């Protein structure tokens, strides 16, 4: 019967293209959502393969004509050989995304909303440096009376166990992780949005492509492996011009991200860096850098 819009994951889209169930000869608009996440998960070859199926007959000219608004508007309204556009949405801009942009986008225009690759200015970042056994401080934080919904990000192994512990404490909690089926994921999200559940305990899968409105506080019970993922996760709060709070529990096992996390907090106008983190030896220089010591003046006695 045909369709006007196709929403797909890269692998399944390649399947229908190779089976000729779908052709892109009349496609005029391509959106790559969460491009950095797709490439981080190893989908760059798949994305390139999909873009190669786009027709070359309606590519925008790489000349000054592309900068003429009258000609571009006339082409848009004509409906015949309409130039196709490719739009990339990404929270961070790693080299792989830049390489993809240069390869497939003509007359590239970059639009920044907020600061690219940095936490939102409306999100107050708070960190607590502790041992693994001290993470039970989570309960004391929740007792401060934050309004739901609340999102708690954990590693896969802690997800269900923490949710059960919160349920025993009297909180209404649900879980979201890759081990659940699609129906279970949708049921958990709908319960949180409807207000029947107050807390969502989730892995980093919830930090990408899922929109839950009016989340004032998120808790990183387990710190992300890198600051790019951290930026994604705390971006679940402070949306649509509203303020938010991101609380992160750090242990010595997270020392590899101390330096970049410290920089992210220092650059925030509404956050203050924890003194223990600011003075921590692992937060003084970027991992992998070689420190050189200044030679002190020496006196040689013969």
Protein backbone atom coordinates (compact mmCIF):
# COMPACT_ATOMS: atom_id res chain seq x y z
CA UNK A 1 0.00 0.00 0.00
CA UNK A 2 3.00 2.30 0.40
CA UNK A 3 3.78 4.68 3.24
CA UNK A 4 4.97 8.21 3.87
CA UNK A 5 7.20 7.76 6.92
CA UNK A 6 9.43 4.84 7.91
CA UNK A 7 10.82 4.66 11.45
CA UNK A 8 13.39 1.90 11.76
CA UNK A 9 16.51 0.57 13.42
CA UNK A 10 19.52 0.27 11.05
CA UNK A 11 19.62 -3.53 10.88
CA UNK A 12 15.92 -4.03 10.10
CA UNK A 13 15.95 -1.20 7.56
CA UNK A 14 18.82 -2.88 5.68
CA UNK A 15 16.80 -6.13 5.64
CA UNK A 16 13.82 -4.56 3.88
CA UNK A 17 16.09 -2.63 1.49
CA UNK A 18 17.95 -5.78 0.45
CA UNK A 19 14.64 -7.67 0.08
CA UNK A 20 13.34 -4.82 -2.13
CA UNK A 21 10.36 -4.45 0.20
CA UNK A 22 11.36 -0.80 0.44
CA UNK A 23 13.02 1.52 -2.06
CA UNK A 24 14.26 5.01 -1.31
CA UNK A 25 14.09 6.44 -4.85
CA UNK A 26 11.48 9.01 -3.80
CA UNK A 27 12.84 9.67 -0.33
CA UNK A 28 13.50 13.35 0.33
CA UNK A 29 14.13 13.50 4.08
CA UNK A 30 16.41 11.36 6.24
CA UNK A 31 16.79 11.74 10.01
CA UNK A 32 19.52 10.05 12.03
CA UNK A 33 18.41 10.24 15.65
CA UNK A 34 20.89 9.55 18.45
CA UNK A 35 23.62 9.34 15.82
CA UNK A 36 26.44 9.27 18.36
CA UNK A 37 24.82 6.38 20.21
CA UNK A 38 24.28 4.38 17.00
CA UNK A 39 27.93 4.78 16.02
CA UNK A 40 29.09 4.01 19.56
CA UNK A 41 27.15 0.72 19.36
CA UNK A 42 28.89 -0.20 16.10
CA UNK A 43 26.21 0.76 13.60
CA UNK A 44 28.37 3.12 11.52
CA UNK A 45 28.76 0.63 8.59
CA UNK A 46 24.99 0.01 8.64
CA UNK A 47 24.21 3.74 8.58
CA UNK A 48 26.62 4.25 5.68
CA UNK A 49 25.00 1.37 3.80
CA UNK A 50 21.54 2.90 4.25
CA UNK A 51 22.66 6.33 3.08
CA UNK A 52 24.16 4.75 -0.03
CA UNK A 53 20.63 3.64 -1.01
CA UNK A 54 19.57 7.27 -1.24
CA UNK A 55 19.07 8.46 -4.85
CA UNK A 56 21.77 10.67 -6.37
CA UNK A 57 19.35 12.25 -8.84
CA UNK A 58 17.93 14.65 -6.29
CA UNK A 59 21.07 15.63 -4.40
CA UNK A 60 21.37 19.28 -3.51
CA UNK A 61 23.90 21.02 -5.80
CA UNK A 62 27.22 21.70 -4.16
CA UNK A 63 27.38 25.18 -5.69
CA UNK A 64 26.34 28.72 -4.79
CA UNK A 65 22.84 27.83 -6.01
CA UNK A 66 22.35 25.91 -2.75
CA UNK A 67 22.75 29.21 -0.89
CA UNK A 68 20.05 30.95 -2.91
CA UNK A 69 16.88 30.93 -0.75
CA UNK A 70 14.57 31.70 -3.70
CA UNK A 71 15.80 28.76 -5.76
CA UNK A 72 15.70 26.43 -2.75
CA UNK A 73 12.12 27.46 -1.97
CA UNK A 74 11.08 27.00 -5.60
CA UNK A 75 12.56 23.49 -5.59
CA UNK A 76 10.79 22.67 -2.32
CA UNK A 77 7.41 23.81 -3.66
CA UNK A 78 7.74 22.21 -7.11
CA UNK A 79 7.47 18.62 -5.88
CA UNK A 80 9.56 17.37 -8.83
CA UNK A 81 13.13 16.25 -8.17
CA UNK A 82 12.92 17.81 -4.75
CA UNK A 83 16.36 17.94 -3.16
CA UNK A 84 16.72 15.51 -0.30
CA UNK A 85 17.88 16.63 3.13
CA UNK A 86 19.73 14.70 5.79
CA UNK A 87 19.37 15.75 9.42
CA UNK A 88 21.53 14.40 12.25
CA UNK A 89 20.50 14.72 15.90
CA UNK A 90 23.25 14.07 18.42
CA UNK A 91 24.01 15.12 21.99
CA UNK A 92 27.77 14.72 21.53
CA UNK A 93 29.94 15.04 18.44
CA UNK A 94 32.62 12.32 18.46
CA UNK A 95 35.02 12.07 15.47
CA UNK A 96 33.02 9.21 13.93
CA UNK A 97 29.89 11.42 13.66
CA UNK A 98 31.92 14.26 12.15
CA UNK A 99 33.36 11.83 9.60
CA UNK A 100 29.87 10.66 8.69
CA UNK A 101 28.68 14.25 8.31
CA UNK A 102 31.53 15.17 5.98
CA UNK A 103 30.94 12.09 3.84
CA UNK A 104 27.18 12.34 3.30
CA UNK A 105 26.09 15.93 4.01
CA UNK A 106 26.41 18.77 1.52
CA UNK A 107 26.45 22.40 2.56
CA UNK A 108 26.60 21.30 6.18
CA UNK A 109 24.87 23.60 8.66
CA UNK A 110 25.34 23.05 12.40
CA UNK A 111 22.68 24.16 14.88
CA UNK A 112 23.58 24.12 18.56
CA UNK A 113 20.87 23.94 21.22
CA UNK A 114 22.63 24.66 24.48
CA UNK A 115 26.30 23.61 24.52
CA UNK A 116 27.36 20.70 22.36
CA UNK A 117 28.84 17.84 24.34
CA UNK A 118 28.24 19.57 27.68
CA UNK A 119 25.60 19.14 30.40
CA UNK A 120 22.61 21.47 30.23
CA UNK A 121 23.11 24.73 32.10
CA UNK A 122 19.83 24.27 34.02
CA UNK A 123 20.95 20.98 35.59
CA UNK A 124 22.63 21.20 39.00
CA UNK A 125 25.23 18.46 39.29
CA UNK A 126 25.97 16.96 42.71
CA UNK A 127 28.47 14.19 43.39
CA UNK A 128 29.16 12.04 46.46
CA UNK A 129 32.46 10.20 46.80
CA UNK A 130 31.96 7.01 48.82
CA UNK A 131 32.64 3.33 49.11
CA UNK A 132 30.40 0.77 47.42
CA UNK A 133 28.81 -0.17 50.74
CA UNK A 134 27.83 3.45 51.46
CA UNK A 135 25.50 3.74 48.48
CA UNK A 136 22.58 3.09 50.79
CA UNK A 137 22.63 6.87 51.27
CA UNK A 138 20.23 6.77 48.36
CA UNK A 139 17.36 6.37 50.81
CA UNK A 140 18.31 9.54 52.71
CA UNK A 141 18.33 11.50 49.45
CA UNK A 142 14.87 10.30 48.47
CA UNK A 143 13.52 11.21 51.91
CA UNK A 144 14.21 14.88 51.18
CA UNK A 145 10.83 14.93 49.48
CA UNK A 146 11.61 15.22 45.77
CA UNK A 147 8.53 15.15 43.59
CA UNK A 148 8.16 12.17 41.24
CA UNK A 149 8.95 10.98 38.68
CA UNK A 150 12.51 10.09 39.70
CA UNK A 151 14.98 8.14 37.56
CA UNK A 152 17.80 6.08 39.10
CA UNK A 153 20.49 4.80 36.71
CA UNK A 154 22.29 1.60 37.71
CA UNK A 155 24.32 -1.19 36.17
CA UNK A 156 22.47 -4.17 34.78
CA UNK A 157 23.19 -6.43 37.78
CA UNK A 158 21.77 -3.97 40.32
CA UNK A 159 18.59 -2.96 38.50
CA UNK A 160 15.97 -5.44 39.70
CA UNK A 161 17.56 -5.85 43.15
CA UNK A 162 17.49 -2.11 43.86
CA UNK A 163 13.90 -1.79 42.66
CA UNK A 164 12.82 -4.58 45.02
CA UNK A 165 14.63 -2.89 47.91
CA UNK A 166 12.84 0.38 47.18
CA UNK A 167 9.49 -1.42 47.03
CA UNK A 168 10.15 -2.87 50.49
CA UNK A 169 10.87 0.64 51.74
CA UNK A 170 7.45 1.79 50.57
CA UNK A 171 8.33 3.38 47.23
CA UNK A 172 6.52 2.58 43.98
CA UNK A 173 9.34 1.53 41.65
CA UNK A 174 9.56 -0.04 38.21
CA UNK A 175 12.54 -1.19 36.14
CA UNK A 176 13.80 -0.66 32.61
CA UNK A 177 16.69 -2.65 31.14
CA UNK A 178 17.67 -4.62 28.05
CA UNK A 179 16.68 -7.93 29.62
CA UNK A 180 12.99 -7.03 29.35
CA UNK A 181 10.70 -7.44 26.37
CA UNK A 182 9.21 -4.52 24.47
CA UNK A 183 5.79 -4.89 26.13
CA UNK A 184 7.39 -4.82 29.59
CA UNK A 185 9.41 -1.72 28.69
CA UNK A 186 6.34 0.12 27.41
CA UNK A 187 4.34 -0.93 30.48
CA UNK A 188 7.01 0.44 32.84
CA UNK A 189 7.18 3.76 30.97
CA UNK A 190 3.41 4.15 30.84
CA UNK A 191 3.15 3.51 34.61
CA UNK A 192 5.77 6.17 35.31
CA UNK A 193 4.13 8.72 33.02
CA UNK A 194 0.67 8.00 34.43
CA UNK A 195 1.88 8.48 38.00
CA UNK A 196 1.18 4.98 39.26
CA UNK A 197 4.95 4.51 39.71
CA UNK A 198 7.18 7.15 41.30
CA UNK A 199 10.66 5.82 40.59
CA UNK A 200 12.17 4.30 37.46
CA UNK A 201 15.27 2.17 38.10
CA UNK A 202 16.98 1.81 34.75
CA UNK A 203 20.20 1.02 32.94
CA UNK A 204 21.64 3.53 30.47
CA UNK A 205 19.14 2.29 27.86
CA UNK A 206 16.73 4.89 29.27
CA UNK A 207 19.18 7.71 28.65
CA UNK A 208 18.76 7.59 24.88
CA UNK A 209 15.65 8.35 22.90
CA UNK A 210 13.18 8.16 25.81
CA UNK A 211 11.32 11.31 26.81
CA UNK A 212 9.76 11.48 30.28
CA UNK A 213 8.45 14.92 31.12
CA UNK A 214 8.91 16.83 34.38
CA UNK A 215 11.74 14.71 35.76
CA UNK A 216 13.29 16.99 38.39
CA UNK A 217 15.90 14.61 39.79
CA UNK A 218 17.97 11.74 38.41
CA UNK A 219 20.41 9.64 40.45
CA UNK A 220 23.46 7.94 38.96
CA UNK A 221 23.65 5.10 41.46
CA UNK A 222 26.44 3.68 39.27
CA UNK A 223 28.56 6.22 37.40
CA UNK A 224 28.61 5.94 33.61
CA UNK A 225 31.74 4.56 31.98
CA UNK A 226 32.54 7.87 30.27
CA UNK A 227 31.43 11.49 30.36
CA UNK A 228 29.59 11.27 27.02
CA UNK A 229 27.20 8.69 28.48
CA UNK A 230 27.02 10.77 31.66
CA UNK A 231 25.85 13.80 29.64
CA UNK A 232 23.15 11.68 28.00
CA UNK A 233 21.89 10.37 31.33
CA UNK A 234 21.67 13.66 33.19
CA UNK A 235 19.98 15.13 30.12
CA UNK A 236 16.83 13.30 31.23
CA UNK A 237 16.20 16.21 33.59
CA UNK A 238 16.25 19.97 33.06
CA UNK A 239 14.25 19.76 29.82
CA UNK A 240 12.07 22.36 28.12
CA UNK A 241 13.56 25.24 30.06
CA UNK A 242 12.99 23.64 33.46
CA UNK A 243 15.63 23.12 36.12
CA UNK A 244 16.80 19.77 37.40
CA UNK A 245 19.19 18.00 39.75
CA UNK A 246 21.60 15.20 38.84
CA UNK A 247 23.10 13.28 41.78
CA UNK A 248 26.02 10.95 41.13
CA UNK A 249 27.57 8.35 43.45
CA UNK A 250 31.30 7.88 42.83
CA UNK A 251 33.62 5.14 44.09
CA UNK A 252 37.33 4.59 43.58
CA UNK A 253 36.47 2.28 40.67
CA UNK A 254 35.26 5.36 38.75
CA UNK A 255 38.62 7.18 38.99
CA UNK A 256 39.11 7.06 35.19
CA UNK A 257 36.34 9.65 34.74
CA UNK A 258 37.20 11.90 37.69
CA UNK A 259 39.08 14.50 35.63
CA UNK A 260 36.47 14.99 32.88
CA UNK A 261 33.61 14.86 35.39
CA UNK A 262 35.30 17.57 37.41
CA UNK A 263 35.62 19.74 34.28
CA UNK A 264 31.93 19.23 33.44
CA UNK A 265 30.91 20.35 36.93
CA UNK A 266 33.25 23.36 36.97
CA UNK A 267 31.82 24.58 33.65
CA UNK A 268 28.26 24.49 35.01
CA UNK A 269 26.98 27.87 36.27
CA UNK A 270 24.61 26.20 38.77
CA UNK A 271 26.94 23.50 40.14
CA UNK A 272 29.80 23.42 42.61
CA UNK A 273 32.46 20.73 42.63
CA UNK A 274 32.78 18.51 45.69
CA UNK A 275 36.10 19.43 47.42
CA UNK A 276 37.03 15.74 47.75
CA UNK A 277 36.66 15.34 43.98
CA UNK A 278 38.37 18.63 43.14
CA UNK A 279 41.45 17.69 45.21
CA UNK A 280 41.52 13.99 44.30
CA UNK A 281 44.82 12.97 42.60
CA UNK A 282 42.98 11.30 39.71
CA UNK A 283 41.04 14.51 39.02
CA UNK A 284 44.17 16.61 38.48
CA UNK A 285 45.09 15.39 35.00
CA UNK A 286 43.50 13.57 32.09
CA UNK A 287 44.06 9.78 32.11
CA UNK A 288 46.89 8.76 29.82
CA UNK A 289 48.74 12.08 29.96
CA UNK A 290 52.42 12.16 30.87
CA UNK A 291 53.30 14.47 33.72
CA UNK A 292 56.60 16.29 33.51
CA UNK A 293 58.27 17.64 36.59
CA UNK A 294 60.15 20.92 36.55
CA UNK A 295 63.81 20.53 37.28
CA UNK A 296 64.71 22.32 40.44
CA UNK A 297 67.88 24.34 40.64
CA UNK A 298 70.68 22.07 41.69
CA UNK A 299 74.03 22.86 43.27
CA UNK A 300 76.80 20.42 42.50
CA UNK A 301 79.66 20.14 44.94
CA UNK A 302 82.91 18.85 43.51
